[in-house]
PDB file of N, CA and C in Angstrom:
ATOM      1  N   MET A   1     164.567  97.463 111.153  1.00  0.00           N
ATOM      2  CA  MET A   1     163.513  97.141 112.077  1.00  0.00           C
ATOM      3  C   MET A   1     162.296  97.986 111.731  1.00  0.00           C
ATOM      4  N   ALA A   2     161.142  97.368 111.800  1.00  0.00           N
ATOM      5  CA  ALA A   2     159.879  98.068 111.604  1.00  0.00           C
ATOM      6  C   ALA A   2     158.977  97.731 112.778  1.00  0.00           C
ATOM      7  N   LYS A   3     158.117  98.680 113.155  1.00  0.00           N
ATOM      8  CA  LYS A   3     157.283  98.474 114.342  1.00  0.00           C
ATOM      9  C   LYS A   3     155.874  98.992 114.105  1.00  0.00           C
ATOM     10  N   LEU A   4     154.913  98.249 114.638  1.00  0.00           N
ATOM     11  CA  LEU A   4     153.505  98.644 114.618  1.00  0.00           C
ATOM     12  C   LEU A   4     152.986  98.530 116.043  1.00  0.00           C
ATOM     13  N   GLU A   5     152.377  99.582 116.544  1.00  0.00           N
ATOM     14  CA  GLU A   5     151.731  99.550 117.843  1.00  0.00           C
ATOM     15  C   GLU A   5     150.367 100.200 117.703  1.00  0.00           C
ATOM     16  N   CYS A   6     149.345  99.549 118.267  1.00  0.00           N
ATOM     17  CA  CYS A   6     147.998 100.094 118.174  1.00  0.00           C
ATOM     18  C   CYS A   6     147.088  99.462 119.215  1.00  0.00           C
ATOM     19  N   ARG A   7     145.996 100.138 119.475  1.00  0.00           N
ATOM     20  CA  ARG A   7     144.953  99.615 120.358  1.00  0.00           C
ATOM     21  C   ARG A   7     143.933  98.888 119.499  1.00  0.00           C
ATOM     22  N   LEU A   8     143.407  97.795 120.056  1.00  0.00           N
ATOM     23  CA  LEU A   8     142.459  96.975 119.325  1.00  0.00           C
ATOM     24  C   LEU A   8     141.198  96.772 120.140  1.00  0.00           C
ATOM     25  N   ASP A   9     140.122  96.403 119.469  1.00  0.00           N
ATOM     26  CA  ASP A   9     138.865  96.097 120.128  1.00  0.00           C
ATOM     27  C   ASP A   9     138.312  94.817 119.520  1.00  0.00           C
ATOM     28  N   GLY A  10     137.966  93.874 120.364  1.00  0.00           N
ATOM     29  CA  GLY A  10     137.421  92.611 119.897  1.00  0.00           C
ATOM     30  C   GLY A  10     137.739  91.508 120.888  1.00  0.00           C
ATOM     31  N   ALA A  11     137.476  90.285 120.479  1.00  0.00           N
ATOM     32  CA  ALA A  11     137.736  89.125 121.325  1.00  0.00           C
ATOM     33  C   ALA A  11     139.203  88.717 121.198  1.00  0.00           C
ATOM     34  N   PHE A  12     139.892  88.646 122.319  1.00  0.00           N
ATOM     35  CA  PHE A  12     141.322  88.330 122.360  1.00  0.00           C
ATOM     36  C   PHE A  12     141.645  87.077 121.548  1.00  0.00           C
ATOM     37  N   ASP A  13     140.948  85.978 121.811  1.00  0.00           N
ATOM     38  CA  ASP A  13     141.240  84.707 121.131  1.00  0.00           C
ATOM     39  C   ASP A  13     141.009  84.788 119.626  1.00  0.00           C
ATOM     40  N   VAL A  14     139.990  85.512 119.221  1.00  0.00           N
ATOM     41  CA  VAL A  14     139.691  85.668 117.788  1.00  0.00           C
ATOM     42  C   VAL A  14     140.802  86.458 117.106  1.00  0.00           C
ATOM     43  N   ILE A  15     141.201  87.564 117.714  1.00  0.00           N
ATOM     44  CA  ILE A  15     142.253  88.392 117.123  1.00  0.00           C
ATOM     45  C   ILE A  15     143.572  87.632 117.061  1.00  0.00           C
ATOM     46  N   LEU A  16     143.927  86.931 118.129  1.00  0.00           N
ATOM     47  CA  LEU A  16     145.164  86.159 118.144  1.00  0.00           C
ATOM     48  C   LEU A  16     145.151  85.079 117.059  1.00  0.00           C
ATOM     49  N   ARG A  17     144.048  84.385 116.913  1.00  0.00           N
ATOM     50  CA  ARG A  17     143.932  83.350 115.874  1.00  0.00           C
ATOM     51  C   ARG A  17     144.039  83.952 114.475  1.00  0.00           C
ATOM     52  N   GLU A  18     143.402  85.109 114.273  1.00  0.00           N
ATOM     53  CA  GLU A  18     143.473  85.791 112.964  1.00  0.00           C
ATOM     54  C   GLU A  18     144.919  86.163 112.631  1.00  0.00           C
ATOM     55  N   ILE A  19     145.638  86.662 113.623  1.00  0.00           N
ATOM     56  CA  ILE A  19     147.039  87.043 113.415  1.00  0.00           C
ATOM     57  C   ILE A  19     147.875  85.820 113.070  1.00  0.00           C
ATOM     58  N   GLU A  20     147.765  84.768 113.875  1.00  0.00           N
ATOM     59  CA  GLU A  20     148.546  83.546 113.624  1.00  0.00           C
ATOM     60  C   GLU A  20     148.244  82.964 112.250  1.00  0.00           C
ATOM     61  N   ASP A  21     146.958  82.767 111.957  1.00  0.00           N
ATOM     62  CA  ASP A  21     146.568  82.177 110.671  1.00  0.00           C
ATOM     63  C   ASP A  21     146.967  83.061 109.501  1.00  0.00           C
ATOM     64  N   GLY A  22     146.768  84.381 109.651  1.00  0.00           N
ATOM     65  CA  GLY A  22     147.088  85.301 108.563  1.00  0.00           C
ATOM     66  C   GLY A  22     148.566  85.303 108.228  1.00  0.00           C
ATOM     67  N   ILE A  23     149.412  85.273 109.241  1.00  0.00           N
ATOM     68  CA  ILE A  23     150.854  85.264 109.002  1.00  0.00           C
ATOM     69  C   ILE A  23     151.298  83.938 108.398  1.00  0.00           C
ATOM     70  N   LEU A  24     150.857  82.837 108.994  1.00  0.00           N
ATOM     71  CA  LEU A  24     151.296  81.522 108.523  1.00  0.00           C
ATOM     72  C   LEU A  24     150.755  81.185 107.134  1.00  0.00           C
ATOM     73  N   ASN A  25     149.571  81.668 106.808  1.00  0.00           N
ATOM     74  CA  ASN A  25     149.000  81.416 105.479  1.00  0.00           C
ATOM     75  C   ASN A  25     149.394  82.469 104.458  1.00  0.00           C
ATOM     76  N   GLY A  26     150.046  83.543 104.932  1.00  0.00           N
ATOM     77  CA  GLY A  26     150.419  84.634 104.046  1.00  0.00           C
ATOM     78  C   GLY A  26     151.731  84.434 103.315  1.00  0.00           C
ATOM     79  N   SER A  27     152.508  83.433 103.724  1.00  0.00           N
ATOM     80  CA  SER A  27     153.808  83.190 103.105  1.00  0.00           C
ATOM     81  C   SER A  27     154.146  81.712 103.227  1.00  0.00           C
ATOM     82  N   ALA A  28     154.617  81.140 102.144  1.00  0.00           N
ATOM     83  CA  ALA A  28     154.971  79.714 102.146  1.00  0.00           C
ATOM     84  C   ALA A  28     156.133  79.424 103.097  1.00  0.00           C
ATOM     85  N   SER A  29     156.972  80.423 103.359  1.00  0.00           N
ATOM     86  CA  SER A  29     158.137  80.193 104.206  1.00  0.00           C
ATOM     87  C   SER A  29     157.923  80.632 105.654  1.00  0.00           C
ATOM     88  N   ALA A  30     156.729  81.150 105.986  1.00  0.00           N
ATOM     89  CA  ALA A  30     156.471  81.633 107.344  1.00  0.00           C
ATOM     90  C   ALA A  30     156.331  80.469 108.315  1.00  0.00           C
ATOM     91  N   SER A  31     156.889  80.664 109.510  1.00  0.00           N
ATOM     92  CA  SER A  31     156.775  79.644 110.549  1.00  0.00           C
ATOM     93  C   SER A  31     156.604  80.319 111.904  1.00  0.00           C
ATOM     94  N   LEU A  32     155.924  79.620 112.798  1.00  0.00           N
ATOM     95  CA  LEU A  32     155.796  80.068 114.177  1.00  0.00           C
ATOM     96  C   LEU A  32     156.942  79.424 114.935  1.00  0.00           C
ATOM     97  N   GLU A  33     157.881  80.236 115.399  1.00  0.00           N
ATOM     98  CA  GLU A  33     159.083  79.714 116.056  1.00  0.00           C
ATOM     99  C   GLU A  33     158.851  79.386 117.522  1.00  0.00           C
ATOM    100  N   ASP A  34     158.083  80.229 118.202  1.00  0.00           N
ATOM    101  CA  ASP A  34     157.780  79.956 119.604  1.00  0.00           C
ATOM    102  C   ASP A  34     156.613  80.823 120.050  1.00  0.00           C
ATOM    103  N   ALA A  35     156.024  80.441 121.175  1.00  0.00           N
ATOM    104  CA  ALA A  35     154.867  81.156 121.708  1.00  0.00           C
ATOM    105  C   ALA A  35     154.927  81.151 123.224  1.00  0.00           C
ATOM    106  N   SER A  36     154.358  82.212 123.809  1.00  0.00           N
ATOM    107  CA  SER A  36     154.273  82.309 125.258  1.00  0.00           C
ATOM    108  C   SER A  36     152.934  82.951 125.592  1.00  0.00           C
ATOM    109  N   ASP A  37     152.237  82.380 126.570  1.00  0.00           N
ATOM    110  CA  ASP A  37     150.946  82.906 126.996  1.00  0.00           C
ATOM    111  C   ASP A  37     150.956  83.100 128.499  1.00  0.00           C
ATOM    112  N   PHE A  38     150.359  84.205 128.942  1.00  0.00           N
ATOM    113  CA  PHE A  38     150.307  84.521 130.365  1.00  0.00           C
ATOM    114  C   PHE A  38     148.919  85.047 130.694  1.00  0.00           C
ATOM    115  N   ARG A  39     148.410  84.622 131.841  1.00  0.00           N
ATOM    116  CA  ARG A  39     147.117  85.113 132.311  1.00  0.00           C
ATOM    117  C   ARG A  39     147.189  85.322 133.821  1.00  0.00           C
ATOM    118  N   SER A  40     146.666  86.465 134.272  1.00  0.00           N
ATOM    119  CA  SER A  40     146.566  86.762 135.693  1.00  0.00           C
ATOM    120  C   SER A  40     145.269  87.530 135.891  1.00  0.00           C
ATOM    121  N   GLY A  41     144.283  86.872 136.434  1.00  0.00           N
ATOM    122  CA  GLY A  41     142.975  87.502 136.591  1.00  0.00           C
ATOM    123  C   GLY A  41     142.399  87.877 135.239  1.00  0.00           C
ATOM    124  N   ALA A  42     142.084  89.143 135.071  1.00  0.00           N
ATOM    125  CA  ALA A  42     141.496  89.625 133.819  1.00  0.00           C
ATOM    126  C   ALA A  42     142.540  90.066 132.804  1.00  0.00           C
ATOM    127  N   VAL A  43     143.812  89.908 133.131  1.00  0.00           N
ATOM    128  CA  VAL A  43     144.892  90.335 132.237  1.00  0.00           C
ATOM    129  C   VAL A  43     145.430  89.144 131.463  1.00  0.00           C
ATOM    130  N   ARG A  44     145.593  89.331 130.151  1.00  0.00           N
ATOM    131  CA  ARG A  44     146.157  88.280 129.286  1.00  0.00           C
ATOM    132  C   ARG A  44     147.241  88.871 128.404  1.00  0.00           C
ATOM    133  N   CYS A  45     148.258  88.057 128.151  1.00  0.00           N
ATOM    134  CA  CYS A  45     149.335  88.474 127.267  1.00  0.00           C
ATOM    135  C   CYS A  45     149.772  87.270 126.435  1.00  0.00           C
ATOM    136  N   ALA A  46     149.858  87.454 125.136  1.00  0.00           N
ATOM    137  CA  ALA A  46     150.330  86.406 124.224  1.00  0.00           C
ATOM    138  C   ALA A  46     151.493  86.971 123.420  1.00  0.00           C
ATOM    139  N   VAL A  47     152.593  86.230 123.380  1.00  0.00           N
ATOM    140  CA  VAL A  47     153.758  86.624 122.596  1.00  0.00           C
ATOM    141  C   VAL A  47     153.995  85.541 121.561  1.00  0.00           C
ATOM    142  N   ARG A  48     154.169  85.945 120.310  1.00  0.00           N
ATOM    143  CA  ARG A  48     154.432  85.006 119.215  1.00  0.00           C
ATOM    144  C   ARG A  48     155.656  85.489 118.452  1.00  0.00           C
ATOM    145  N   VAL A  49     156.543  84.554 118.117  1.00  0.00           N
ATOM    146  CA  VAL A  49     157.717  84.881 117.313  1.00  0.00           C
ATOM    147  C   VAL A  49     157.613  84.099 116.013  1.00  0.00           C
ATOM    148  N   PHE A  50     157.559  84.841 114.902  1.00  0.00           N
ATOM    149  CA  PHE A  50     157.445  84.262 113.568  1.00  0.00           C
ATOM    150  C   PHE A  50     158.728  84.505 112.787  1.00  0.00           C
ATOM    151  N   GLU A  51     158.989  83.652 111.820  1.00  0.00           N
ATOM    152  CA  GLU A  51     160.081  83.865 110.869  1.00  0.00           C
ATOM    153  C   GLU A  51     159.571  83.617 109.464  1.00  0.00           C
ATOM    154  N   ARG A  52     160.225  84.258 108.521  1.00  0.00           N
ATOM    155  CA  ARG A  52     159.968  83.961 107.111  1.00  0.00           C
ATOM    156  C   ARG A  52     161.182  84.356 106.291  1.00  0.00           C
ATOM    157  N   TYR A  53     161.266  83.792 105.111  1.00  0.00           N
ATOM    158  CA  TYR A  53     162.359  84.083 104.201  1.00  0.00           C
ATOM    159  C   TYR A  53     162.010  85.315 103.378  1.00  0.00           C
ATOM    160  N   SER A  54     162.977  86.196 103.213  1.00  0.00           N
ATOM    161  CA  SER A  54     162.798  87.386 102.388  1.00  0.00           C
ATOM    162  C   SER A  54     163.570  87.203 101.086  1.00  0.00           C
ATOM    163  N   MET A  55     162.851  87.059  99.993  1.00  0.00           N
ATOM    164  CA  MET A  55     163.485  86.891  98.682  1.00  0.00           C
ATOM    165  C   MET A  55     164.334  88.117  98.345  1.00  0.00           C
ATOM    166  N   LEU A  56     163.800  89.294  98.631  1.00  0.00           N
ATOM    167  CA  LEU A  56     164.487  90.526  98.282  1.00  0.00           C
ATOM    168  C   LEU A  56     165.811  90.664  99.039  1.00  0.00           C
ATOM    169  N   GLY A  57     165.803  90.327 100.316  1.00  0.00           N
ATOM    170  CA  GLY A  57     167.015  90.439 101.127  1.00  0.00           C
ATOM    171  C   GLY A  57     167.883  89.198 101.091  1.00  0.00           C
ATOM    172  N   GLY A  58     167.302  88.082 100.645  1.00  0.00           N
ATOM    173  CA  GLY A  58     168.055  86.837 100.604  1.00  0.00           C
ATOM    174  C   GLY A  58     168.383  86.300 101.987  1.00  0.00           C
ATOM    175  N   ASN A  59     167.504  86.575 102.950  1.00  0.00           N
ATOM    176  CA  ASN A  59     167.753  86.113 104.310  1.00  0.00           C
ATOM    177  C   ASN A  59     166.416  85.866 105.016  1.00  0.00           C
ATOM    178  N   ARG A  60     166.490  85.356 106.240  1.00  0.00           N
ATOM    179  CA  ARG A  60     165.290  85.168 107.042  1.00  0.00           C
ATOM    180  C   ARG A  60     165.131  86.372 107.970  1.00  0.00           C
ATOM    181  N   LEU A  61     163.878  86.725 108.227  1.00  0.00           N
ATOM    182  CA  LEU A  61     163.610  87.774 109.177  1.00  0.00           C
ATOM    183  C   LEU A  61     162.614  87.286 110.201  1.00  0.00           C
ATOM    184  N   SER A  62     162.606  87.946 111.334  1.00  0.00           N
ATOM    185  CA  SER A  62     161.697  87.540 112.396  1.00  0.00           C
ATOM    186  C   SER A  62     160.738  88.671 112.724  1.00  0.00           C
ATOM    187  N   MET A  63     159.629  88.283 113.325  1.00  0.00           N
ATOM    188  CA  MET A  63     158.660  89.259 113.805  1.00  0.00           C
ATOM    189  C   MET A  63     158.132  88.765 115.142  1.00  0.00           C
ATOM    190  N   THR A  64     158.197  89.621 116.133  1.00  0.00           N
ATOM    191  CA  THR A  64     157.640  89.323 117.444  1.00  0.00           C
ATOM    192  C   THR A  64     156.335  90.092 117.583  1.00  0.00           C
ATOM    193  N   VAL A  65     155.273  89.362 117.888  1.00  0.00           N
ATOM    194  CA  VAL A  65     153.952  89.959 118.055  1.00  0.00           C
ATOM    195  C   VAL A  65     153.523  89.754 119.498  1.00  0.00           C
ATOM    196  N   THR A  66     153.193  90.855 120.168  1.00  0.00           N
ATOM    197  CA  THR A  66     152.702  90.803 121.540  1.00  0.00           C
ATOM    198  C   THR A  66     151.288  91.362 121.561  1.00  0.00           C
ATOM    199  N   LEU A  67     150.359  90.572 122.069  1.00  0.00           N
ATOM    200  CA  LEU A  67     148.974  90.997 122.213  1.00  0.00           C
ATOM    201  C   LEU A  67     148.670  91.022 123.711  1.00  0.00           C
ATOM    202  N   PHE A  68     148.298  92.186 124.211  1.00  0.00           N
ATOM    203  CA  PHE A  68     148.066  92.384 125.642  1.00  0.00           C
ATOM    204  C   PHE A  68     146.634  92.844 125.854  1.00  0.00           C
ATOM    205  N   ASP A  69     145.932  92.199 126.776  1.00  0.00           N
ATOM    206  CA  ASP A  69     144.539  92.559 127.047  1.00  0.00           C
ATOM    207  C   ASP A  69     144.348  92.735 128.547  1.00  0.00           C
ATOM    208  N   SER A  70     143.709  93.828 128.929  1.00  0.00           N
ATOM    209  CA  SER A  70     143.397  94.114 130.324  1.00  0.00           C
ATOM    210  C   SER A  70     142.034  94.794 130.357  1.00  0.00           C
ATOM    211  N   PRO A  71     141.482  94.995 131.538  1.00  0.00           N
ATOM    212  CA  PRO A  71     140.195  95.702 131.610  1.00  0.00           C
ATOM    213  C   PRO A  71     140.239  97.103 130.994  1.00  0.00           C
ATOM    214  N   GLU A  72     141.415  97.690 130.891  1.00  0.00           N
ATOM    215  CA  GLU A  72     141.547  99.025 130.293  1.00  0.00           C
ATOM    216  C   GLU A  72     141.586  98.993 128.771  1.00  0.00           C
ATOM    217  N   GLY A  73     141.774  97.816 128.171  1.00  0.00           N
ATOM    218  CA  GLY A  73     141.795  97.716 126.721  1.00  0.00           C
ATOM    219  C   GLY A  73     142.837  96.743 126.214  1.00  0.00           C
ATOM    220  N   MET A  74     142.858  96.581 124.907  1.00  0.00           N
ATOM    221  CA  MET A  74     143.773  95.648 124.248  1.00  0.00           C
ATOM    222  C   MET A  74     144.819  96.428 123.461  1.00  0.00           C
ATOM    223  N   PHE A  75     146.060  95.948 123.507  1.00  0.00           N
ATOM    224  CA  PHE A  75     147.183  96.614 122.850  1.00  0.00           C
ATOM    225  C   PHE A  75     147.997  95.590 122.078  1.00  0.00           C
ATOM    226  N   LEU A  76     148.413  95.966 120.873  1.00  0.00           N
ATOM    227  CA  LEU A  76     149.239  95.106 120.025  1.00  0.00           C
ATOM    228  C   LEU A  76     150.567  95.800 119.748  1.00  0.00           C
ATOM    229  N   SER A  77     151.642  95.033 119.846  1.00  0.00           N
ATOM    230  CA  SER A  77     152.960  95.503 119.437  1.00  0.00           C
ATOM    231  C   SER A  77     153.552  94.435 118.528  1.00  0.00           C
ATOM    232  N   ALA A  78     153.965  94.825 117.337  1.00  0.00           N
ATOM    233  CA  ALA A  78     154.605  93.904 116.394  1.00  0.00           C
ATOM    234  C   ALA A  78     155.905  94.548 115.923  1.00  0.00           C
ATOM    235  N   ILE A  79     157.011  93.810 116.068  1.00  0.00           N
ATOM    236  CA  ILE A  79     158.328  94.345 115.724  1.00  0.00           C
ATOM    237  C   ILE A  79     159.070  93.320 114.873  1.00  0.00           C
ATOM    238  N   THR A  80     159.602  93.776 113.741  1.00  0.00           N
ATOM    239  CA  THR A  80     160.374  92.902 112.859  1.00  0.00           C
ATOM    240  C   THR A  80     161.865  93.172 113.028  1.00  0.00           C
ATOM    241  N   ALA A  81     162.673  92.169 112.699  1.00  0.00           N
ATOM    242  CA  ALA A  81     164.130  92.320 112.778  1.00  0.00           C
ATOM    243  C   ALA A  81     164.787  91.331 111.828  1.00  0.00           C
ATOM    244  N   GLY A  82     166.032  91.647 111.461  1.00  0.00           N
ATOM    245  CA  GLY A  82     166.819  90.723 110.654  1.00  0.00           C
ATOM    246  C   GLY A  82     166.712  90.925 109.160  1.00  0.00           C
ATOM    247  N   GLY A  83     166.213  92.056 108.721  1.00  0.00           N
ATOM    248  CA  GLY A  83     165.979  92.261 107.305  1.00  0.00           C
ATOM    249  C   GLY A  83     167.159  92.790 106.516  1.00  0.00           C
ATOM    250  N   SER A  84     168.352  92.702 107.039  1.00  0.00           N
ATOM    251  CA  SER A  84     169.517  93.195 106.321  1.00  0.00           C
ATOM    252  C   SER A  84     170.656  92.210 106.472  1.00  0.00           C
ATOM    253  N   ASN A  85     171.509  92.145 105.451  1.00  0.00           N
ATOM    254  CA  ASN A  85     172.674  91.267 105.566  1.00  0.00           C
ATOM    255  C   ASN A  85     173.972  92.075 105.585  1.00  0.00           C
ATOM    256  N   ALA A  86     173.863  93.370 105.883  1.00  0.00           N
ATOM    257  CA  ALA A  86     175.055  94.208 106.019  1.00  0.00           C
ATOM    258  C   ALA A  86     175.681  93.986 107.394  1.00  0.00           C
ATOM    259  N   VAL A  87     176.946  94.343 107.540  1.00  0.00           N
ATOM    260  CA  VAL A  87     177.655  94.107 108.787  1.00  0.00           C
ATOM    261  C   VAL A  87     177.438  95.230 109.801  1.00  0.00           C
ATOM    262  N   PHE A  88     177.574  96.488 109.381  1.00  0.00           N
ATOM    263  CA  PHE A  88     177.552  97.586 110.333  1.00  0.00           C
ATOM    264  C   PHE A  88     176.308  98.468 110.288  1.00  0.00           C
ATOM    265  N   PHE A  89     175.523  98.405 109.226  1.00  0.00           N
ATOM    266  CA  PHE A  89     174.311  99.214 109.133  1.00  0.00           C
ATOM    267  C   PHE A  89     173.330  98.513 108.215  1.00  0.00           C
ATOM    268  N   LYS A  90     172.085  98.935 108.259  1.00  0.00           N
ATOM    269  CA  LYS A  90     171.037  98.287 107.476  1.00  0.00           C
ATOM    270  C   LYS A  90     170.996  98.849 106.058  1.00  0.00           C
ATOM    271  N   LEU A  91     171.040  97.959 105.097  1.00  0.00           N
ATOM    272  CA  LEU A  91     170.949  98.360 103.692  1.00  0.00           C
ATOM    273  C   LEU A  91     169.552  98.147 103.132  1.00  0.00           C
ATOM    274  N   ASN A  92     168.865  97.128 103.615  1.00  0.00           N
ATOM    275  CA  ASN A  92     167.616  96.727 103.004  1.00  0.00           C
ATOM    276  C   ASN A  92     166.611  96.378 104.086  1.00  0.00           C
ATOM    277  N   THR A  93     165.586  97.196 104.216  1.00  0.00           N
ATOM    278  CA  THR A  93     164.546  96.912 105.210  1.00  0.00           C
ATOM    279  C   THR A  93     163.190  96.663 104.547  1.00  0.00           C
ATOM    280  N   PHE A  94     163.190  96.456 103.240  1.00  0.00           N
ATOM    281  CA  PHE A  94     161.936  96.228 102.518  1.00  0.00           C
ATOM    282  C   PHE A  94     161.222  94.976 103.019  1.00  0.00           C
ATOM    283  N   GLY A  95     161.970  93.909 103.276  1.00  0.00           N
ATOM    284  CA  GLY A  95     161.383  92.668 103.752  1.00  0.00           C
ATOM    285  C   GLY A  95     160.712  92.838 105.099  1.00  0.00           C
ATOM    286  N   GLU A  96     161.341  93.603 105.992  1.00  0.00           N
ATOM    287  CA  GLU A  96     160.765  93.846 107.312  1.00  0.00           C
ATOM    288  C   GLU A  96     159.439  94.598 107.197  1.00  0.00           C
ATOM    289  N   GLY A  97     159.416  95.629 106.370  1.00  0.00           N
ATOM    290  CA  GLY A  97     158.190  96.404 106.172  1.00  0.00           C
ATOM    291  C   GLY A  97     157.080  95.573 105.572  1.00  0.00           C
ATOM    292  N   SER A  98     157.436  94.694 104.655  1.00  0.00           N
ATOM    293  CA  SER A  98     156.452  93.815 104.024  1.00  0.00           C
ATOM    294  C   SER A  98     155.875  92.817 105.026  1.00  0.00           C
ATOM    295  N   PHE A  99     156.733  92.238 105.856  1.00  0.00           N
ATOM    296  CA  PHE A  99     156.302  91.286 106.877  1.00  0.00           C
ATOM    297  C   PHE A  99     155.358  91.981 107.866  1.00  0.00           C
ATOM    298  N   LEU A 100     155.721  93.172 108.290  1.00  0.00           N
ATOM    299  CA  LEU A 100     154.896  93.936 109.214  1.00  0.00           C
ATOM    300  C   LEU A 100     153.567  94.323 108.566  1.00  0.00           C
ATOM    301  N   GLY A 101     153.594  94.618 107.277  1.00  0.00           N
ATOM    302  CA  GLY A 101     152.383  94.977 106.548  1.00  0.00           C
ATOM    303  C   GLY A 101     151.333  93.885 106.595  1.00  0.00           C
ATOM    304  N   CYS A 102     151.773  92.649 106.681  1.00  0.00           N
ATOM    305  CA  CYS A 102     150.860  91.510 106.785  1.00  0.00           C
ATOM    306  C   CYS A 102     150.025  91.629 108.058  1.00  0.00           C
ATOM    307  N   VAL A 103     150.654  91.941 109.185  1.00  0.00           N
ATOM    308  CA  VAL A 103     149.943  92.091 110.462  1.00  0.00           C
ATOM    309  C   VAL A 103     149.050  93.321 110.430  1.00  0.00           C
ATOM    310  N   GLU A 104     149.564  94.389 109.849  1.00  0.00           N
ATOM    311  CA  GLU A 104     148.798  95.632 109.766  1.00  0.00           C
ATOM    312  C   GLU A 104     147.474  95.403 109.033  1.00  0.00           C
ATOM    313  N   GLU A 105     147.536  94.650 107.968  1.00  0.00           N
ATOM    314  CA  GLU A 105     146.341  94.330 107.187  1.00  0.00           C
ATOM    315  C   GLU A 105     145.359  93.477 107.995  1.00  0.00           C
ATOM    316  N   ILE A 106     145.869  92.515 108.735  1.00  0.00           N
ATOM    317  CA  ILE A 106     145.033  91.606 109.527  1.00  0.00           C
ATOM    318  C   ILE A 106     144.288  92.364 110.625  1.00  0.00           C
ATOM    319  N   VAL A 107     144.974  93.244 111.343  1.00  0.00           N
ATOM    320  CA  VAL A 107     144.360  93.896 112.510  1.00  0.00           C
ATOM    321  C   VAL A 107     143.593  95.172 112.169  1.00  0.00           C
ATOM    322  N   GLU A 108     143.633  95.602 110.937  1.00  0.00           N
ATOM    323  CA  GLU A 108     142.996  96.858 110.561  1.00  0.00           C
ATOM    324  C   GLU A 108     141.523  96.919 110.993  1.00  0.00           C
ATOM    325  N   ARG A 109     140.798  95.851 110.846  1.00  0.00           N
ATOM    326  CA  ARG A 109     139.371  95.858 111.188  1.00  0.00           C
ATOM    327  C   ARG A 109     139.107  95.846 112.695  1.00  0.00           C
ATOM    328  N   PHE A 110     140.144  95.575 113.491  1.00  0.00           N
ATOM    329  CA  PHE A 110     139.999  95.566 114.957  1.00  0.00           C
ATOM    330  C   PHE A 110     140.537  96.847 115.604  1.00  0.00           C
ATOM    331  N   ARG A 111     141.105  97.730 114.815  1.00  0.00           N
ATOM    332  CA  ARG A 111     141.712  98.946 115.377  1.00  0.00           C
ATOM    333  C   ARG A 111     140.686  99.869 115.994  1.00  0.00           C
ATOM    334  N   VAL A 112     141.090 100.476 117.104  1.00  0.00           N
ATOM    335  CA  VAL A 112     140.239 101.441 117.791  1.00  0.00           C
ATOM    336  C   VAL A 112     140.449 102.806 117.170  1.00  0.00           C
TER     337      VAL A 112
END
């Protein structure tokens, strides 16, 4: 498992679109598995679950991206999982780190 958490500054819809497009266009095997959006007054939350195939691990991995915006600021959490095919412990997390690196690159210009 790999995780990225950071505060962002910018337009919520623009950042969310950049993340979605960047992930889906960054890998031929990437897919958006599901999405959830919530709004209450000035608070917004978008959750996206992506999957892609990892050549190195020979399996599919997932990444959950949560973008939260409130009057106090915007927060991003991205967590990958599934990057190992071992039974009791993780042998290979390179694919997870690579998948997460895609989001890290996309949001770098929006980081606070």
